[in-house]
Amino acid sequence: MNDDIVFRLEEISLKRNGKVLLSGIGWEVRKGQNWAVTGPNGSGKSLLMHYIQGKIPGSGGNILFGDNEIRHGISSVSFEMHQQIMVNEKRLSYSRDF
């Protein structure tokens, strides 16, 4: 895999109790990129992030990591937590090299 790739999702599908929750998801994140996953409540954002973090199994497709340890460095922040951080911090700055 290309050294610039942090992770790649290929045709990911997630099912629970026979119901398709996510289907055909493809996504590639490269070093130096910053992404935000947005959408309405119930659209599958947390489900997708939990899959990427290895907290839940997938039902189909592949996930490839440029570095096997990177999964432990991927996290998500709830809207409520984001709002609280922004209230308490004048300037929020965080970066991490992958």
N, C-alpha and C. Protein backbone atom coordinates (compact mmCIF):
# COMPACT_ATOMS: atom_id res chain seq x y z
N MET A 1 0.85 -1.18 0.00
CA MET A 1 0.00 0.00 0.00
C MET A 1 0.89 1.24 0.00
N ASN A 2 0.42 2.30 -0.58
CA ASN A 2 1.12 3.58 -0.65
C ASN A 2 1.49 4.07 0.75
N ASP A 3 2.72 4.54 0.93
CA ASP A 3 3.19 5.00 2.25
C ASP A 3 2.45 6.23 2.76
N ASP A 4 1.77 6.96 1.88
CA ASP A 4 1.04 8.16 2.30
C ASP A 4 -0.34 7.84 2.86
N ILE A 5 -0.79 6.61 2.74
CA ILE A 5 -2.14 6.25 3.16
C ILE A 5 -2.16 5.88 4.64
N VAL A 6 -3.05 6.54 5.39
CA VAL A 6 -3.25 6.22 6.80
C VAL A 6 -4.18 5.01 6.88
N PHE A 7 -5.33 5.09 6.21
CA PHE A 7 -6.22 3.93 6.08
C PHE A 7 -7.08 4.07 4.85
N ARG A 8 -7.59 2.93 4.39
CA ARG A 8 -8.47 2.90 3.23
C ARG A 8 -9.61 1.92 3.52
N LEU A 9 -10.83 2.38 3.28
CA LEU A 9 -12.01 1.52 3.36
C LEU A 9 -12.42 1.16 1.93
N GLU A 10 -12.69 -0.11 1.71
CA GLU A 10 -13.09 -0.58 0.38
C GLU A 10 -14.40 -1.34 0.47
N GLU A 11 -15.47 -0.74 -0.04
CA GLU A 11 -16.79 -1.38 -0.11
C GLU A 11 -17.25 -1.95 1.24
N ILE A 12 -17.12 -1.15 2.29
CA ILE A 12 -17.51 -1.57 3.63
C ILE A 12 -19.02 -1.65 3.75
N SER A 13 -19.48 -2.72 4.37
CA SER A 13 -20.90 -2.82 4.71
C SER A 13 -21.01 -3.29 6.16
N LEU A 14 -22.00 -2.77 6.84
CA LEU A 14 -22.26 -3.13 8.23
C LEU A 14 -23.73 -3.51 8.35
N LYS A 15 -23.96 -4.69 8.94
CA LYS A 15 -25.33 -5.19 9.13
C LYS A 15 -25.51 -5.60 10.58
N ARG A 16 -26.71 -5.43 11.08
CA ARG A 16 -27.07 -5.90 12.42
C ARG A 16 -28.46 -6.51 12.35
N ASN A 17 -28.60 -7.71 12.86
CA ASN A 17 -29.89 -8.41 12.87
C ASN A 17 -30.52 -8.46 11.49
N GLY A 18 -29.71 -8.69 10.46
CA GLY A 18 -30.20 -8.80 9.10
C GLY A 18 -30.51 -7.48 8.41
N LYS A 19 -30.35 -6.36 9.11
CA LYS A 19 -30.64 -5.05 8.53
C LYS A 19 -29.34 -4.38 8.09
N VAL A 20 -29.30 -3.90 6.85
CA VAL A 20 -28.13 -3.20 6.33
C VAL A 20 -28.12 -1.79 6.90
N LEU A 21 -27.04 -1.46 7.64
CA LEU A 21 -26.92 -0.14 8.24
C LEU A 21 -26.04 0.79 7.41
N LEU A 22 -24.98 0.25 6.86
CA LEU A 22 -24.10 1.00 5.95
C LEU A 22 -23.73 0.05 4.81
N SER A 23 -23.60 0.60 3.61
CA SER A 23 -23.29 -0.25 2.46
C SER A 23 -22.46 0.51 1.44
N GLY A 24 -21.45 -0.18 0.90
CA GLY A 24 -20.66 0.40 -0.19
C GLY A 24 -19.77 1.57 0.20
N ILE A 25 -19.34 1.63 1.44
CA ILE A 25 -18.55 2.77 1.91
C ILE A 25 -17.10 2.63 1.44
N GLY A 26 -16.61 3.64 0.78
CA GLY A 26 -15.21 3.73 0.37
C GLY A 26 -14.66 5.06 0.86
N TRP A 27 -13.44 5.02 1.42
CA TRP A 27 -12.86 6.24 1.98
C TRP A 27 -11.37 6.02 2.13
N GLU A 28 -10.60 7.01 1.75
CA GLU A 28 -9.15 6.93 1.91
C GLU A 28 -8.66 8.18 2.62
N VAL A 29 -7.88 7.98 3.66
CA VAL A 29 -7.29 9.09 4.41
C VAL A 29 -5.78 9.00 4.23
N ARG A 30 -5.19 10.13 3.83
CA ARG A 30 -3.75 10.20 3.61
C ARG A 30 -3.08 11.05 4.68
N LYS A 31 -1.80 10.84 4.87
CA LYS A 31 -1.03 11.62 5.83
C LYS A 31 -1.20 13.10 5.54
N GLY A 32 -1.35 13.87 6.60
CA GLY A 32 -1.50 15.32 6.48
C GLY A 32 -2.91 15.78 6.25
N GLN A 33 -3.84 14.88 5.99
CA GLN A 33 -5.24 15.26 5.79
C GLN A 33 -5.97 15.30 7.12
N ASN A 34 -6.94 16.17 7.19
CA ASN A 34 -7.86 16.25 8.34
C ASN A 34 -9.27 16.08 7.80
N TRP A 35 -10.04 15.23 8.46
CA TRP A 35 -11.39 14.94 8.02
C TRP A 35 -12.38 15.18 9.16
N ALA A 36 -13.58 15.54 8.78
CA ALA A 36 -14.70 15.61 9.72
C ALA A 36 -15.84 14.79 9.12
N VAL A 37 -16.38 13.88 9.89
CA VAL A 37 -17.53 13.07 9.44
C VAL A 37 -18.76 13.73 10.03
N THR A 38 -19.63 14.22 9.17
CA THR A 38 -20.81 14.96 9.63
C THR A 38 -22.07 14.32 9.06
N GLY A 39 -23.18 14.63 9.67
CA GLY A 39 -24.47 14.14 9.19
C GLY A 39 -25.48 14.19 10.31
N PRO A 40 -26.73 13.97 9.98
CA PRO A 40 -27.79 14.01 11.00
C PRO A 40 -27.70 12.84 11.96
N ASN A 41 -28.38 12.98 13.08
CA ASN A 41 -28.46 11.87 14.05
C ASN A 41 -28.98 10.62 13.36
N GLY A 42 -28.36 9.50 13.69
CA GLY A 42 -28.81 8.23 13.15
C GLY A 42 -28.31 7.91 11.75
N SER A 43 -27.40 8.72 11.20
CA SER A 43 -26.94 8.48 9.83
C SER A 43 -25.78 7.50 9.75
N GLY A 44 -25.22 7.08 10.88
CA GLY A 44 -24.18 6.06 10.87
C GLY A 44 -22.77 6.56 11.15
N LYS A 45 -22.62 7.80 11.56
CA LYS A 45 -21.29 8.36 11.82
C LYS A 45 -20.56 7.59 12.91
N SER A 46 -21.19 7.43 14.04
CA SER A 46 -20.56 6.72 15.16
C SER A 46 -20.33 5.25 14.82
N LEU A 47 -21.27 4.65 14.12
CA LEU A 47 -21.13 3.26 13.70
C LEU A 47 -19.88 3.10 12.83
N LEU A 48 -19.70 3.99 11.87
CA LEU A 48 -18.54 3.94 10.99
C LEU A 48 -17.25 4.14 11.78
N MET A 49 -17.23 5.09 12.68
CA MET A 49 -16.02 5.34 13.48
C MET A 49 -15.72 4.15 14.39
N HIS A 50 -16.74 3.55 14.97
CA HIS A 50 -16.51 2.37 15.81
C HIS A 50 -15.94 1.22 15.00
N TYR A 51 -16.39 1.07 13.76
CA TYR A 51 -15.84 0.05 12.88
C TYR A 51 -14.36 0.32 12.61
N ILE A 52 -14.04 1.55 12.24
CA ILE A 52 -12.65 1.91 11.94
C ILE A 52 -11.76 1.69 13.16
N GLN A 53 -12.28 2.00 14.33
CA GLN A 53 -11.51 1.83 15.57
C GLN A 53 -11.41 0.37 16.01
N GLY A 54 -12.11 -0.53 15.33
CA GLY A 54 -12.05 -1.95 15.66
C GLY A 54 -12.97 -2.35 16.80
N LYS A 55 -13.92 -1.50 17.14
CA LYS A 55 -14.83 -1.80 18.25
C LYS A 55 -15.99 -2.71 17.84
N ILE A 56 -16.30 -2.73 16.54
CA ILE A 56 -17.37 -3.60 16.04
C ILE A 56 -16.89 -4.26 14.74
N PRO A 57 -17.39 -5.45 14.43
CA PRO A 57 -16.98 -6.13 13.20
C PRO A 57 -17.77 -5.61 11.99
N GLY A 58 -17.16 -5.73 10.84
CA GLY A 58 -17.85 -5.39 9.60
C GLY A 58 -18.55 -6.61 9.03
N SER A 59 -19.37 -6.39 8.03
CA SER A 59 -20.10 -7.48 7.39
C SER A 59 -19.58 -7.76 5.99
N GLY A 60 -18.74 -6.87 5.49
CA GLY A 60 -18.18 -7.06 4.15
C GLY A 60 -17.23 -5.93 3.83
N GLY A 61 -16.37 -6.16 2.86
CA GLY A 61 -15.40 -5.16 2.44
C GLY A 61 -14.08 -5.31 3.18
N ASN A 62 -13.20 -4.37 2.95
CA ASN A 62 -11.86 -4.40 3.54
C ASN A 62 -11.51 -3.06 4.16
N ILE A 63 -10.72 -3.12 5.22
CA ILE A 63 -10.10 -1.92 5.78
C ILE A 63 -8.61 -2.19 5.82
N LEU A 64 -7.85 -1.28 5.25
CA LEU A 64 -6.40 -1.41 5.17
C LEU A 64 -5.76 -0.24 5.89
N PHE A 65 -4.78 -0.53 6.73
CA PHE A 65 -4.06 0.51 7.46
C PHE A 65 -2.63 0.58 6.96
N GLY A 66 -2.12 1.81 6.79
CA GLY A 66 -0.73 2.00 6.41
C GLY A 66 0.20 1.52 7.50
N ASP A 67 -0.24 1.62 8.75
CA ASP A 67 0.52 1.19 9.92
C ASP A 67 -0.48 0.48 10.84
N ASN A 68 -0.18 -0.73 11.23
CA ASN A 68 -1.13 -1.50 12.04
C ASN A 68 -1.44 -0.85 13.38
N GLU A 69 -0.57 0.01 13.88
CA GLU A 69 -0.79 0.66 15.17
C GLU A 69 -1.69 1.90 15.06
N ILE A 70 -1.96 2.36 13.84
CA ILE A 70 -2.70 3.61 13.66
C ILE A 70 -4.12 3.52 14.21
N ARG A 71 -4.71 2.35 14.18
CA ARG A 71 -6.09 2.18 14.65
C ARG A 71 -6.24 2.71 16.08
N HIS A 72 -5.21 2.56 16.90
CA HIS A 72 -5.27 3.02 18.28
C HIS A 72 -5.22 4.53 18.41
N GLY A 73 -4.81 5.23 17.36
CA GLY A 73 -4.72 6.68 17.39
C GLY A 73 -5.91 7.39 16.78
N ILE A 74 -6.88 6.64 16.28
CA ILE A 74 -8.07 7.23 15.66
C ILE A 74 -9.14 7.37 16.73
N SER A 75 -9.69 8.56 16.84
CA SER A 75 -10.72 8.78 17.85
C SER A 75 -11.79 9.70 17.30
N SER A 76 -12.84 9.84 18.06
CA SER A 76 -13.93 10.72 17.67
C SER A 76 -14.31 11.59 18.86
N VAL A 77 -14.89 12.72 18.55
CA VAL A 77 -15.33 13.67 19.57
C VAL A 77 -16.80 13.97 19.32
N SER A 78 -17.61 13.83 20.34
CA SER A 78 -19.03 14.12 20.20
C SER A 78 -19.23 15.63 20.04
N PHE A 79 -20.37 15.99 19.48
CA PHE A 79 -20.69 17.41 19.31
C PHE A 79 -20.70 18.12 20.66
N GLU A 80 -21.26 17.45 21.65
CA GLU A 80 -21.34 18.05 22.98
C GLU A 80 -19.95 18.30 23.56
N MET A 81 -19.05 17.34 23.38
CA MET A 81 -17.69 17.52 23.88
C MET A 81 -16.97 18.63 23.10
N HIS A 82 -17.17 18.66 21.81
CA HIS A 82 -16.58 19.72 20.99
C HIS A 82 -17.04 21.09 21.47
N GLN A 83 -18.33 21.23 21.72
CA GLN A 83 -18.87 22.50 22.20
C GLN A 83 -18.24 22.88 23.54
N GLN A 84 -18.10 21.93 24.45
CA GLN A 84 -17.52 22.19 25.76
C GLN A 84 -16.06 22.63 25.64
N ILE A 85 -15.31 21.97 24.77
CA ILE A 85 -13.91 22.34 24.57
C ILE A 85 -13.82 23.77 24.04
N MET A 86 -14.66 24.09 23.07
CA MET A 86 -14.61 25.42 22.48
C MET A 86 -15.00 26.50 23.48
N VAL A 87 -15.88 26.19 24.42
CA VAL A 87 -16.28 27.15 25.45
C VAL A 87 -15.12 27.38 26.42
N ASN A 88 -14.40 26.30 26.75
CA ASN A 88 -13.33 26.38 27.76
C ASN A 88 -11.98 26.79 27.20
N GLU A 89 -11.80 26.75 25.91
CA GLU A 89 -10.51 27.07 25.30
C GLU A 89 -10.65 28.24 24.35
N LYS A 90 -9.78 29.21 24.49
CA LYS A 90 -9.79 30.32 23.55
C LYS A 90 -9.29 29.85 22.19
N ARG A 91 -8.29 29.00 22.23
CA ARG A 91 -7.72 28.50 20.99
C ARG A 91 -7.42 27.02 21.17
N LEU A 92 -7.96 26.21 20.30
CA LEU A 92 -7.75 24.77 20.36
C LEU A 92 -6.82 24.38 19.22
N SER A 93 -5.71 23.81 19.57
CA SER A 93 -4.76 23.40 18.53
C SER A 93 -4.24 22.02 18.87
N TYR A 94 -4.33 21.12 17.93
CA TYR A 94 -3.83 19.76 18.13
C TYR A 94 -3.39 19.23 16.79
N SER A 95 -2.27 18.60 16.79
CA SER A 95 -1.82 17.94 15.55
C SER A 95 -1.09 16.67 15.92
N ARG A 96 -1.10 15.75 14.99
CA ARG A 96 -0.36 14.51 15.17
C ARG A 96 0.14 14.06 13.83
N ASP A 97 1.39 13.70 13.77
CA ASP A 97 1.96 13.18 12.53
C ASP A 97 1.75 11.68 12.49
N PHE A 98 1.30 11.20 11.36
CA PHE A 98 1.11 9.76 11.17
C PHE A 98 2.22 9.23 10.32
